[in-house]
């Protein structure tokens, strides 16, 4: 790592994460708030997962995908927040070169799987509402496992591609990242190599890996909406829409924050707004998901209540 790129230009071995706030007096407040958010997020998602595992009524494809989504949410917040809390406690804001790229890889891996799982959940709703007679056959346990495995494989390819691509860039100073975790836009700003190809790669791969799932989600719900509107009973329409409302809310938040974060790479300087989007991606989204999926779902609420009381059926 000490190889020369040119006269007086030495490869850096670590980065400095400025964190959310640079005022030391505010660090204890930030620590308490984010520790609380982390515990609530992990507790909420693990509670959802426990409810799905122990409640027979929730042993359906939709909740199988939701359980996987809960695991991803725990992983996503665990990749970023604990390290930030450790930096606040130790007052040490450096992160080794390798650790930074490792964090980048796992963050994009989990976010990628999240993206494809949301697509699988939209496909599940399409089959359940538009093709109910063949639903059990088309969404068998084998199909569910294949969809999850393919999601992980595609996300792994995407994360590895971006990590290897950015590892080919030269970083010879400055090494200060105005964020609380390592991500592509911030690292692009620090490279002393041209990042044009990397940015084009991000747009191209992002269009395929995120745009295609989004198109499939929109297509699925267009068919769902058409099918629901043909239902004569107002109560039936309300019930069908309610099963999709939670998922559409999560999709909107996920893609909205993602587009804001990665479609602004041409800006000359990343601002504190990007930290806010980072908090939204890594903390708010995982914390809101259990609330969104359980808020209007009596089955999940009943299962959660039984889990909290320690009473459940394993039948």
C-alpha atoms as a PDB file:
ATOM      1  CA  UNK A   1       0.000   0.000   0.000  1.00  0.00           C
ATOM      2  CA  UNK A   2       2.975   2.293   0.150  1.00  0.00           C
ATOM      3  CA  UNK A   3       3.687   2.121  -3.590  1.00  0.00           C
ATOM      4  CA  UNK A   4       4.207   5.422  -5.394  1.00  0.00           C
ATOM      5  CA  UNK A   5       1.812   6.770  -7.988  1.00  0.00           C
ATOM      6  CA  UNK A   6       4.085   9.648  -8.821  1.00  0.00           C
ATOM      7  CA  UNK A   7       6.237  12.245  -7.186  1.00  0.00           C
ATOM      8  CA  UNK A   8       5.098  12.877  -3.631  1.00  0.00           C
ATOM      9  CA  UNK A   9       1.920  10.841  -4.248  1.00  0.00           C
ATOM     10  CA  UNK A  10       1.684   7.826  -1.954  1.00  0.00           C
ATOM     11  CA  UNK A  11      -1.212   5.390  -1.737  1.00  0.00           C
ATOM     12  CA  UNK A  12      -3.243   5.877   1.413  1.00  0.00           C
ATOM     13  CA  UNK A  13      -3.753   3.022   3.856  1.00  0.00           C
ATOM     14  CA  UNK A  14      -6.816   4.331   5.685  1.00  0.00           C
ATOM     15  CA  UNK A  15      -9.729   6.717   5.398  1.00  0.00           C
ATOM     16  CA  UNK A  16     -11.150   9.180   7.922  1.00  0.00           C
ATOM     17  CA  UNK A  17     -14.913   9.061   8.411  1.00  0.00           C
ATOM     18  CA  UNK A  18     -16.190  12.430   9.602  1.00  0.00           C
ATOM     19  CA  UNK A  19     -19.431  10.870  10.827  1.00  0.00           C
ATOM     20  CA  UNK A  20     -22.815  12.550  11.066  1.00  0.00           C
ATOM     21  CA  UNK A  21     -21.670  15.545  13.109  1.00  0.00           C
ATOM     22  CA  UNK A  22     -18.230  17.018  13.652  1.00  0.00           C
ATOM     23  CA  UNK A  23     -19.055  18.775  16.938  1.00  0.00           C
ATOM     24  CA  UNK A  24     -17.693  16.630  19.814  1.00  0.00           C
ATOM     25  CA  UNK A  25     -20.335  17.971  22.221  1.00  0.00           C
ATOM     26  CA  UNK A  26     -23.050  16.330  20.100  1.00  0.00           C
ATOM     27  CA  UNK A  27     -21.390  12.918  19.905  1.00  0.00           C
ATOM     28  CA  UNK A  28     -23.014  11.553  23.114  1.00  0.00           C
ATOM     29  CA  UNK A  29     -26.463  12.556  21.827  1.00  0.00           C
ATOM     30  CA  UNK A  30     -25.815  10.937  18.449  1.00  0.00           C
ATOM     31  CA  UNK A  31     -24.514   7.809  20.187  1.00  0.00           C
ATOM     32  CA  UNK A  32     -27.633   7.411  22.361  1.00  0.00           C
ATOM     33  CA  UNK A  33     -30.052   8.101  19.480  1.00  0.00           C
ATOM     34  CA  UNK A  34     -28.421   5.646  17.099  1.00  0.00           C
ATOM     35  CA  UNK A  35     -27.875   2.971  19.741  1.00  0.00           C
ATOM     36  CA  UNK A  36     -31.589   3.187  20.509  1.00  0.00           C
ATOM     37  CA  UNK A  37     -32.451   3.069  16.784  1.00  0.00           C
ATOM     38  CA  UNK A  38     -30.174   0.060  16.312  1.00  0.00           C
ATOM     39  CA  UNK A  39     -31.714  -1.877  19.201  1.00  0.00           C
ATOM     40  CA  UNK A  40     -35.258  -1.041  18.065  1.00  0.00           C
ATOM     41  CA  UNK A  41     -34.498  -2.062  14.478  1.00  0.00           C
ATOM     42  CA  UNK A  42     -32.823  -5.340  15.386  1.00  0.00           C
ATOM     43  CA  UNK A  43     -35.494  -6.128  17.982  1.00  0.00           C
ATOM     44  CA  UNK A  44     -38.356  -5.289  15.619  1.00  0.00           C
ATOM     45  CA  UNK A  45     -37.031  -7.302  12.693  1.00  0.00           C
ATOM     46  CA  UNK A  46     -36.094 -10.304  14.826  1.00  0.00           C
ATOM     47  CA  UNK A  47     -39.577 -10.193  16.377  1.00  0.00           C
ATOM     48  CA  UNK A  48     -41.120 -10.289  12.897  1.00  0.00           C
ATOM     49  CA  UNK A  49     -38.847 -13.215  11.997  1.00  0.00           C
ATOM     50  CA  UNK A  50     -39.740 -15.071  15.206  1.00  0.00           C
ATOM     51  CA  UNK A  51     -43.458 -14.520  14.603  1.00  0.00           C
ATOM     52  CA  UNK A  52     -43.158 -15.921  11.077  1.00  0.00           C
ATOM     53  CA  UNK A  53     -41.206 -18.955  12.251  1.00  0.00           C
ATOM     54  CA  UNK A  54     -43.521 -19.953  15.103  1.00  0.00           C
ATOM     55  CA  UNK A  55     -46.942 -19.028  13.711  1.00  0.00           C
ATOM     56  CA  UNK A  56     -48.327 -21.646  11.263  1.00  0.00           C
ATOM     57  CA  UNK A  57     -50.723 -19.095   9.713  1.00  0.00           C
ATOM     58  CA  UNK A  58     -47.689 -17.135   8.520  1.00  0.00           C
ATOM     59  CA  UNK A  59     -46.054 -20.086   6.748  1.00  0.00           C
ATOM     60  CA  UNK A  60     -46.916 -18.680   3.322  1.00  0.00           C
ATOM     61  CA  UNK A  61     -44.722 -17.405   0.456  1.00  0.00           C
ATOM     62  CA  UNK A  62     -45.390 -13.732   1.266  1.00  0.00           C
ATOM     63  CA  UNK A  63     -44.165 -14.133   4.829  1.00  0.00           C
ATOM     64  CA  UNK A  64     -41.263 -16.341   3.723  1.00  0.00           C
ATOM     65  CA  UNK A  65     -39.997 -13.386   1.688  1.00  0.00           C
ATOM     66  CA  UNK A  66     -40.801 -10.981   4.529  1.00  0.00           C
ATOM     67  CA  UNK A  67     -38.723 -13.100   6.919  1.00  0.00           C
ATOM     68  CA  UNK A  68     -35.782 -12.920   4.526  1.00  0.00           C
ATOM     69  CA  UNK A  69     -36.301  -9.161   4.253  1.00  0.00           C
ATOM     70  CA  UNK A  70     -36.116  -8.871   8.056  1.00  0.00           C
ATOM     71  CA  UNK A  71     -32.776 -10.698   8.083  1.00  0.00           C
ATOM     72  CA  UNK A  72     -31.473  -8.307   5.418  1.00  0.00           C
ATOM     73  CA  UNK A  73     -32.623  -5.269   7.413  1.00  0.00           C
ATOM     74  CA  UNK A  74     -30.732  -6.514  10.472  1.00  0.00           C
ATOM     75  CA  UNK A  75     -27.640  -7.072   8.339  1.00  0.00           C
ATOM     76  CA  UNK A  76     -27.864  -3.693   6.608  1.00  0.00           C
ATOM     77  CA  UNK A  77     -27.989  -1.674   9.823  1.00  0.00           C
ATOM     78  CA  UNK A  78     -25.349  -3.896  11.467  1.00  0.00           C
ATOM     79  CA  UNK A  79     -22.850  -3.177   8.683  1.00  0.00           C
ATOM     80  CA  UNK A  80     -22.921   0.575   9.283  1.00  0.00           C
ATOM     81  CA  UNK A  81     -24.241   1.634  12.696  1.00  0.00           C
ATOM     82  CA  UNK A  82     -22.111  -0.425  15.161  1.00  0.00           C
ATOM     83  CA  UNK A  83     -18.883   0.807  13.548  1.00  0.00           C
ATOM     84  CA  UNK A  84     -20.159   4.384  13.781  1.00  0.00           C
ATOM     85  CA  UNK A  85     -20.993   3.856  17.465  1.00  0.00           C
ATOM     86  CA  UNK A  86     -17.514   2.418  18.058  1.00  0.00           C
ATOM     87  CA  UNK A  87     -15.943   5.484  16.444  1.00  0.00           C
ATOM     88  CA  UNK A  88     -18.026   7.759  18.667  1.00  0.00           C
ATOM     89  CA  UNK A  89     -16.946   5.870  21.791  1.00  0.00           C
ATOM     90  CA  UNK A  90     -13.261   5.698  20.927  1.00  0.00           C
ATOM     91  CA  UNK A  91     -13.099   9.156  19.291  1.00  0.00           C
ATOM     92  CA  UNK A  92     -11.143   7.356  16.554  1.00  0.00           C
ATOM     93  CA  UNK A  93     -12.568   8.095  13.141  1.00  0.00           C
ATOM     94  CA  UNK A  94     -10.169   6.180  10.911  1.00  0.00           C
ATOM     95  CA  UNK A  95     -11.129   3.053   8.974  1.00  0.00           C
ATOM     96  CA  UNK A  96      -8.517   0.849   7.232  1.00  0.00           C
ATOM     97  CA  UNK A  97      -8.526   0.725   3.441  1.00  0.00           C
ATOM     98  CA  UNK A  98      -9.549  -2.948   3.376  1.00  0.00           C
ATOM     99  CA  UNK A  99     -12.262  -2.522   6.016  1.00  0.00           C
ATOM    100  CA  UNK A 100     -13.761   0.366   4.037  1.00  0.00           C
ATOM    101  CA  UNK A 101     -14.010  -1.709   0.875  1.00  0.00           C
ATOM    102  CA  UNK A 102     -15.366  -4.686   2.832  1.00  0.00           C
ATOM    103  CA  UNK A 103     -18.112  -2.482   4.272  1.00  0.00           C
ATOM    104  CA  UNK A 104     -18.864  -1.199   0.776  1.00  0.00           C
ATOM    105  CA  UNK A 105     -19.153  -4.749  -0.601  1.00  0.00           C
ATOM    106  CA  UNK A 106     -21.489  -6.079   2.083  1.00  0.00           C
ATOM    107  CA  UNK A 107     -23.654  -2.951   2.024  1.00  0.00           C
ATOM    108  CA  UNK A 108     -24.244  -3.279  -1.722  1.00  0.00           C
ATOM    109  CA  UNK A 109     -24.702  -7.039  -1.392  1.00  0.00           C
ATOM    110  CA  UNK A 110     -27.520  -6.709   1.137  1.00  0.00           C
ATOM    111  CA  UNK A 111     -29.157  -3.734  -0.577  1.00  0.00           C
ATOM    112  CA  UNK A 112     -29.058  -5.677  -3.848  1.00  0.00           C
ATOM    113  CA  UNK A 113     -30.734  -8.726  -2.320  1.00  0.00           C
ATOM    114  CA  UNK A 114     -33.310  -6.371  -0.781  1.00  0.00           C
ATOM    115  CA  UNK A 115     -34.067  -4.980  -4.243  1.00  0.00           C
ATOM    116  CA  UNK A 116     -34.628  -8.421  -5.806  1.00  0.00           C
ATOM    117  CA  UNK A 117     -36.661  -9.692  -2.844  1.00  0.00           C
ATOM    118  CA  UNK A 118     -39.035  -6.752  -3.193  1.00  0.00           C
ATOM    119  CA  UNK A 119     -39.486  -7.849  -6.807  1.00  0.00           C
ATOM    120  CA  UNK A 120     -40.174 -11.441  -5.731  1.00  0.00           C
ATOM    121  CA  UNK A 121     -42.774 -10.173  -3.270  1.00  0.00           C
ATOM    122  CA  UNK A 122     -44.487  -8.176  -6.038  1.00  0.00           C
ATOM    123  CA  UNK A 123     -44.525 -11.309  -8.226  1.00  0.00           C
ATOM    124  CA  UNK A 124     -46.024 -13.251  -5.319  1.00  0.00           C
ATOM    125  CA  UNK A 125     -48.862 -10.700  -4.992  1.00  0.00           C
ATOM    126  CA  UNK A 126     -49.431 -10.862  -8.763  1.00  0.00           C
ATOM    127  CA  UNK A 127     -49.820 -14.641  -8.686  1.00  0.00           C
ATOM    128  CA  UNK A 128     -51.979 -14.608  -5.542  1.00  0.00           C
ATOM    129  CA  UNK A 129     -54.451 -12.047  -6.878  1.00  0.00           C
ATOM    130  CA  UNK A 130     -54.367 -12.543 -10.658  1.00  0.00           C
ATOM    131  CA  UNK A 131     -53.817 -16.309 -10.848  1.00  0.00           C
ATOM    132  CA  UNK A 132     -55.200 -17.715  -7.578  1.00  0.00           C
ATOM    133  CA  UNK A 133     -56.068 -21.163  -9.004  1.00  0.00           C
ATOM    134  CA  UNK A 134     -52.452 -21.941  -9.920  1.00  0.00           C
ATOM    135  CA  UNK A 135     -50.846 -19.911  -7.121  1.00  0.00           C
ATOM    136  CA  UNK A 136     -49.759 -22.855  -4.951  1.00  0.00           C
ATOM    137  CA  UNK A 137     -48.153 -24.582  -7.925  1.00  0.00           C
ATOM    138  CA  UNK A 138     -46.381 -21.531  -9.350  1.00  0.00           C
ATOM    139  CA  UNK A 139     -45.185 -20.298  -5.937  1.00  0.00           C
ATOM    140  CA  UNK A 140     -44.107 -23.616  -4.440  1.00  0.00           C
ATOM    141  CA  UNK A 141     -41.405 -23.868  -1.785  1.00  0.00           C
ATOM    142  CA  UNK A 142     -38.922 -24.828  -4.499  1.00  0.00           C
ATOM    143  CA  UNK A 143     -39.764 -21.692  -6.491  1.00  0.00           C
ATOM    144  CA  UNK A 144     -39.446 -19.550  -3.360  1.00  0.00           C
ATOM    145  CA  UNK A 145     -35.976 -20.920  -2.620  1.00  0.00           C
ATOM    146  CA  UNK A 146     -34.902 -20.433  -6.235  1.00  0.00           C
ATOM    147  CA  UNK A 147     -36.046 -16.797  -6.185  1.00  0.00           C
ATOM    148  CA  UNK A 148     -34.087 -16.133  -2.977  1.00  0.00           C
ATOM    149  CA  UNK A 149     -30.981 -17.939  -4.307  1.00  0.00           C
ATOM    150  CA  UNK A 150     -31.095 -15.999  -7.590  1.00  0.00           C
ATOM    151  CA  UNK A 151     -31.498 -12.751  -5.620  1.00  0.00           C
ATOM    152  CA  UNK A 152     -28.334 -13.482  -3.647  1.00  0.00           C
ATOM    153  CA  UNK A 153     -26.394 -14.525  -6.771  1.00  0.00           C
ATOM    154  CA  UNK A 154     -27.311 -11.379  -8.728  1.00  0.00           C
ATOM    155  CA  UNK A 155     -26.652  -9.101  -5.759  1.00  0.00           C
ATOM    156  CA  UNK A 156     -23.286 -10.780  -5.116  1.00  0.00           C
ATOM    157  CA  UNK A 157     -22.296 -10.206  -8.752  1.00  0.00           C
ATOM    158  CA  UNK A 158     -23.348  -6.559  -8.558  1.00  0.00           C
ATOM    159  CA  UNK A 159     -21.527  -5.882  -5.270  1.00  0.00           C
ATOM    160  CA  UNK A 160     -18.371  -7.674  -6.393  1.00  0.00           C
ATOM    161  CA  UNK A 161     -18.340  -5.791  -9.708  1.00  0.00           C
ATOM    162  CA  UNK A 162     -18.473  -2.373  -8.014  1.00  0.00           C
ATOM    163  CA  UNK A 163     -15.965  -3.329  -5.309  1.00  0.00           C
ATOM    164  CA  UNK A 164     -13.405  -4.672  -7.776  1.00  0.00           C
ATOM    165  CA  UNK A 165     -13.930  -1.684 -10.085  1.00  0.00           C
ATOM    166  CA  UNK A 166     -13.346   0.895  -7.363  1.00  0.00           C
ATOM    167  CA  UNK A 167     -10.368  -1.074  -6.002  1.00  0.00           C
ATOM    168  CA  UNK A 168      -8.611  -0.396  -9.326  1.00  0.00           C
ATOM    169  CA  UNK A 169      -8.714   3.359  -8.658  1.00  0.00           C
ATOM    170  CA  UNK A 170      -5.799   5.194  -7.059  1.00  0.00           C
ATOM    171  CA  UNK A 171      -6.336   6.906  -3.705  1.00  0.00           C
ATOM    172  CA  UNK A 172      -3.405   9.158  -2.900  1.00  0.00           C
ATOM    173  CA  UNK A 173      -5.016  11.860  -0.756  1.00  0.00           C
ATOM    174  CA  UNK A 174      -7.064  13.477   0.591  1.00  0.00           C
ATOM    175  CA  UNK A 175      -8.579  10.607   2.545  1.00  0.00           C
ATOM    176  CA  UNK A 176     -11.431  12.313   4.455  1.00  0.00           C
ATOM    177  CA  UNK A 177     -14.912  10.868   3.806  1.00  0.00           C
ATOM    178  CA  UNK A 178     -17.735  13.244   4.716  1.00  0.00           C
ATOM    179  CA  UNK A 179     -20.031  10.419   5.780  1.00  0.00           C
ATOM    180  CA  UNK A 180     -20.446   7.787   8.493  1.00  0.00           C
ATOM    181  CA  UNK A 181     -19.825   4.757   6.250  1.00  0.00           C
ATOM    182  CA  UNK A 182     -17.997   3.956   3.016  1.00  0.00           C
ATOM    183  CA  UNK A 183     -20.012   4.220  -0.179  1.00  0.00           C
ATOM    184  CA  UNK A 184     -19.361   4.757  -3.874  1.00  0.00           C
ATOM    185  CA  UNK A 185     -20.202   8.484  -4.286  1.00  0.00           C
ATOM    186  CA  UNK A 186     -17.929   9.496  -1.415  1.00  0.00           C
ATOM    187  CA  UNK A 187     -15.039   7.299  -2.615  1.00  0.00           C
ATOM    188  CA  UNK A 188     -15.373   8.621  -6.163  1.00  0.00           C
ATOM    189  CA  UNK A 189     -14.777  12.112  -4.768  1.00  0.00           C
ATOM    190  CA  UNK A 190     -11.471  11.032  -3.178  1.00  0.00           C
ATOM    191  CA  UNK A 191      -9.912   9.165  -6.086  1.00  0.00           C
ATOM    192  CA  UNK A 192      -6.974  10.745  -7.872  1.00  0.00           C
ATOM    193  CA  UNK A 193      -7.785   8.589 -10.908  1.00  0.00           C
ATOM    194  CA  UNK A 194     -10.524   9.264 -13.422  1.00  0.00           C
ATOM    195  CA  UNK A 195     -13.837   7.852 -12.156  1.00  0.00           C
ATOM    196  CA  UNK A 196     -15.709   8.329 -15.425  1.00  0.00           C
ATOM    197  CA  UNK A 197     -15.751   4.626 -16.288  1.00  0.00           C
ATOM    198  CA  UNK A 198     -16.761   3.711 -12.725  1.00  0.00           C
ATOM    199  CA  UNK A 199     -19.646   6.167 -12.798  1.00  0.00           C
ATOM    200  CA  UNK A 200     -20.776   4.868 -16.184  1.00  0.00           C
ATOM    201  CA  UNK A 201     -20.569   1.335 -14.788  1.00  0.00           C
ATOM    202  CA  UNK A 202     -22.674   2.352 -11.787  1.00  0.00           C
ATOM    203  CA  UNK A 203     -25.340   3.882 -14.032  1.00  0.00           C
ATOM    204  CA  UNK A 204     -25.342   0.963 -16.488  1.00  0.00           C
ATOM    205  CA  UNK A 205     -25.389  -1.800 -13.880  1.00  0.00           C
ATOM    206  CA  UNK A 206     -27.822   0.192 -11.755  1.00  0.00           C
ATOM    207  CA  UNK A 207     -30.174   0.520 -14.723  1.00  0.00           C
ATOM    208  CA  UNK A 208     -30.130  -3.248 -15.210  1.00  0.00           C
ATOM    209  CA  UNK A 209     -30.000  -4.395 -11.574  1.00  0.00           C
ATOM    210  CA  UNK A 210     -32.435  -1.821 -10.159  1.00  0.00           C
ATOM    211  CA  UNK A 211     -34.365  -0.599 -13.209  1.00  0.00           C
ATOM    212  CA  UNK A 212     -35.401  -4.073 -14.340  1.00  0.00           C
ATOM    213  CA  UNK A 213     -36.790  -5.082 -10.905  1.00  0.00           C
ATOM    214  CA  UNK A 214     -38.627  -1.758 -10.666  1.00  0.00           C
ATOM    215  CA  UNK A 215     -40.175  -2.324 -14.109  1.00  0.00           C
ATOM    216  CA  UNK A 216     -41.266  -5.822 -13.054  1.00  0.00           C
ATOM    217  CA  UNK A 217     -42.772  -4.449  -9.831  1.00  0.00           C
ATOM    218  CA  UNK A 218     -44.717  -1.779 -11.729  1.00  0.00           C
ATOM    219  CA  UNK A 219     -45.924  -4.353 -14.280  1.00  0.00           C
ATOM    220  CA  UNK A 220     -47.002  -6.757 -11.535  1.00  0.00           C
ATOM    221  CA  UNK A 221     -48.973  -4.126  -9.689  1.00  0.00           C
ATOM    222  CA  UNK A 222     -50.551  -2.803 -12.882  1.00  0.00           C
ATOM    223  CA  UNK A 223     -52.027  -6.278 -13.395  1.00  0.00           C
ATOM    224  CA  UNK A 224     -52.968  -6.478  -9.703  1.00  0.00           C
ATOM    225  CA  UNK A 225     -54.750  -3.111  -9.840  1.00  0.00           C
ATOM    226  CA  UNK A 226     -56.678  -4.160 -12.946  1.00  0.00           C
ATOM    227  CA  UNK A 227     -57.709  -7.423 -11.302  1.00  0.00           C
ATOM    228  CA  UNK A 228     -58.739  -5.744  -8.041  1.00  0.00           C
ATOM    229  CA  UNK A 229     -60.859  -3.151  -9.826  1.00  0.00           C
ATOM    230  CA  UNK A 230     -62.826  -5.991 -11.400  1.00  0.00           C
ATOM    231  CA  UNK A 231     -63.850  -7.224  -7.950  1.00  0.00           C
ATOM    232  CA  UNK A 232     -67.466  -6.213  -7.387  1.00  0.00           C
ATOM    233  CA  UNK A 233     -67.383  -6.206  -3.587  1.00  0.00           C
ATOM    234  CA  UNK A 234     -66.014  -3.006  -2.038  1.00  0.00           C
ATOM    235  CA  UNK A 235     -64.863  -5.043   0.951  1.00  0.00           C
ATOM    236  CA  UNK A 236     -63.047  -7.445  -1.362  1.00  0.00           C
ATOM    237  CA  UNK A 237     -61.281  -4.598  -3.158  1.00  0.00           C
ATOM    238  CA  UNK A 238     -60.272  -3.054   0.156  1.00  0.00           C
ATOM    239  CA  UNK A 239     -58.853  -6.349   1.442  1.00  0.00           C
ATOM    240  CA  UNK A 240     -56.910  -6.975  -1.784  1.00  0.00           C
ATOM    241  CA  UNK A 241     -55.423  -3.470  -1.836  1.00  0.00           C
ATOM    242  CA  UNK A 242     -54.503  -3.656   1.856  1.00  0.00           C
ATOM    243  CA  UNK A 243     -52.364  -6.749   1.248  1.00  0.00           C
ATOM    244  CA  UNK A 244     -50.359  -4.776  -1.328  1.00  0.00           C
ATOM    245  CA  UNK A 245     -50.281  -1.356   0.348  1.00  0.00           C
ATOM    246  CA  UNK A 246     -47.524  -2.197   2.832  1.00  0.00           C
ATOM    247  CA  UNK A 247     -45.278  -3.604   0.121  1.00  0.00           C
ATOM    248  CA  UNK A 248     -45.828  -0.622  -2.178  1.00  0.00           C
ATOM    249  CA  UNK A 249     -44.945   1.746   0.678  1.00  0.00           C
ATOM    250  CA  UNK A 250     -41.649  -0.065   1.299  1.00  0.00           C
ATOM    251  CA  UNK A 251     -40.867  -0.127  -2.450  1.00  0.00           C
ATOM    252  CA  UNK A 252     -41.506   3.627  -2.720  1.00  0.00           C
ATOM    253  CA  UNK A 253     -39.235   4.468   0.214  1.00  0.00           C
ATOM    254  CA  UNK A 254     -36.505   2.072  -0.949  1.00  0.00           C
ATOM    255  CA  UNK A 255     -36.325   3.322  -4.533  1.00  0.00           C
ATOM    256  CA  UNK A 256     -36.916   6.973  -3.656  1.00  0.00           C
ATOM    257  CA  UNK A 257     -33.942   7.162  -1.303  1.00  0.00           C
ATOM    258  CA  UNK A 258     -31.790   5.027  -3.619  1.00  0.00           C
ATOM    259  CA  UNK A 259     -32.399   7.228  -6.671  1.00  0.00           C
ATOM    260  CA  UNK A 260     -31.582  10.368  -4.695  1.00  0.00           C
ATOM    261  CA  UNK A 261     -28.363   8.834  -3.401  1.00  0.00           C
ATOM    262  CA  UNK A 262     -26.887   7.425  -6.610  1.00  0.00           C
ATOM    263  CA  UNK A 263     -28.262   9.638  -9.367  1.00  0.00           C
ATOM    264  CA  UNK A 264     -26.341  12.715  -8.161  1.00  0.00           C
ATOM    265  CA  UNK A 265     -22.801  11.563  -8.879  1.00  0.00           C
ATOM    266  CA  UNK A 266     -22.115  14.489 -11.196  1.00  0.00           C
ATOM    267  CA  UNK A 267     -22.472  17.048  -8.401  1.00  0.00           C
ATOM    268  CA  UNK A 268     -19.243  18.854  -7.592  1.00  0.00           C
ATOM    269  CA  UNK A 269     -19.588  18.434  -3.850  1.00  0.00           C
ATOM    270  CA  UNK A 270     -21.587  15.993  -1.765  1.00  0.00           C
ATOM    271  CA  UNK A 271     -23.491  17.761   0.990  1.00  0.00           C
ATOM    272  CA  UNK A 272     -24.875  16.877   4.387  1.00  0.00           C
ATOM    273  CA  UNK A 273     -28.101  15.932   2.598  1.00  0.00           C
ATOM    274  CA  UNK A 274     -26.295  12.774   1.521  1.00  0.00           C
ATOM    275  CA  UNK A 275     -25.726  11.894   5.165  1.00  0.00           C
ATOM    276  CA  UNK A 276     -29.460  12.255   5.717  1.00  0.00           C
ATOM    277  CA  UNK A 277     -30.164   9.913   2.802  1.00  0.00           C
ATOM    278  CA  UNK A 278     -27.563   7.520   4.225  1.00  0.00           C
ATOM    279  CA  UNK A 279     -29.392   7.517   7.561  1.00  0.00           C
ATOM    280  CA  UNK A 280     -32.623   6.874   5.691  1.00  0.00           C
ATOM    281  CA  UNK A 281     -31.112   3.932   3.769  1.00  0.00           C
ATOM    282  CA  UNK A 282     -29.297   2.265   6.650  1.00  0.00           C
ATOM    283  CA  UNK A 283     -31.408   3.137   9.716  1.00  0.00           C
ATOM    284  CA  UNK A 284     -34.869   4.528   8.962  1.00  0.00           C
ATOM    285  CA  UNK A 285     -35.819   2.008   6.257  1.00  0.00           C
ATOM    286  CA  UNK A 286     -34.891  -1.096   8.300  1.00  0.00           C
ATOM    287  CA  UNK A 287     -36.592   0.405  11.363  1.00  0.00           C
ATOM    288  CA  UNK A 288     -39.809   1.278   9.512  1.00  0.00           C
ATOM    289  CA  UNK A 289     -40.243  -2.026   7.666  1.00  0.00           C
ATOM    290  CA  UNK A 290     -41.491  -4.060  10.673  1.00  0.00           C
ATOM    291  CA  UNK A 291     -43.901  -1.243  11.554  1.00  0.00           C
ATOM    292  CA  UNK A 292     -45.214  -0.931   7.990  1.00  0.00           C
ATOM    293  CA  UNK A 293     -45.756  -4.661   7.534  1.00  0.00           C
ATOM    294  CA  UNK A 294     -47.438  -5.168  10.906  1.00  0.00           C
ATOM    295  CA  UNK A 295     -49.438  -1.920  11.188  1.00  0.00           C
ATOM    296  CA  UNK A 296     -52.494  -3.092   9.243  1.00  0.00           C
ATOM    297  CA  UNK A 297     -51.896  -6.831   9.382  1.00  0.00           C
ATOM    298  CA  UNK A 298     -53.884  -8.533  12.127  1.00  0.00           C
ATOM    299  CA  UNK A 299     -52.198 -11.927  11.522  1.00  0.00           C
ATOM    300  CA  UNK A 300     -48.728 -10.460  12.118  1.00  0.00           C
ATOM    301  CA  UNK A 301     -49.970  -8.445  15.104  1.00  0.00           C
ATOM    302  CA  UNK A 302     -51.513 -11.535  16.716  1.00  0.00           C
ATOM    303  CA  UNK A 303     -48.369 -13.585  16.100  1.00  0.00           C
ATOM    304  CA  UNK A 304     -46.137 -10.833  17.509  1.00  0.00           C
ATOM    305  CA  UNK A 305     -48.313 -10.582  20.589  1.00  0.00           C
ATOM    306  CA  UNK A 306     -48.053 -14.337  21.175  1.00  0.00           C
ATOM    307  CA  UNK A 307     -44.268 -14.200  20.699  1.00  0.00           C
ATOM    308  CA  UNK A 308     -43.962 -11.369  23.207  1.00  0.00           C
ATOM    309  CA  UNK A 309     -46.102 -13.272  25.688  1.00  0.00           C
ATOM    310  CA  UNK A 310     -44.147 -16.458  25.065  1.00  0.00           C
ATOM    311  CA  UNK A 311     -47.205 -18.342  23.857  1.00  0.00           C
ATOM    312  CA  UNK A 312     -47.223 -19.872  20.409  1.00  0.00           C
ATOM    313  CA  UNK A 313     -48.197 -23.002  18.575  1.00  0.00           C
ATOM    314  CA  UNK A 314     -45.622 -25.158  16.856  1.00  0.00           C
ATOM    315  CA  UNK A 315     -48.261 -27.278  15.237  1.00  0.00           C
END
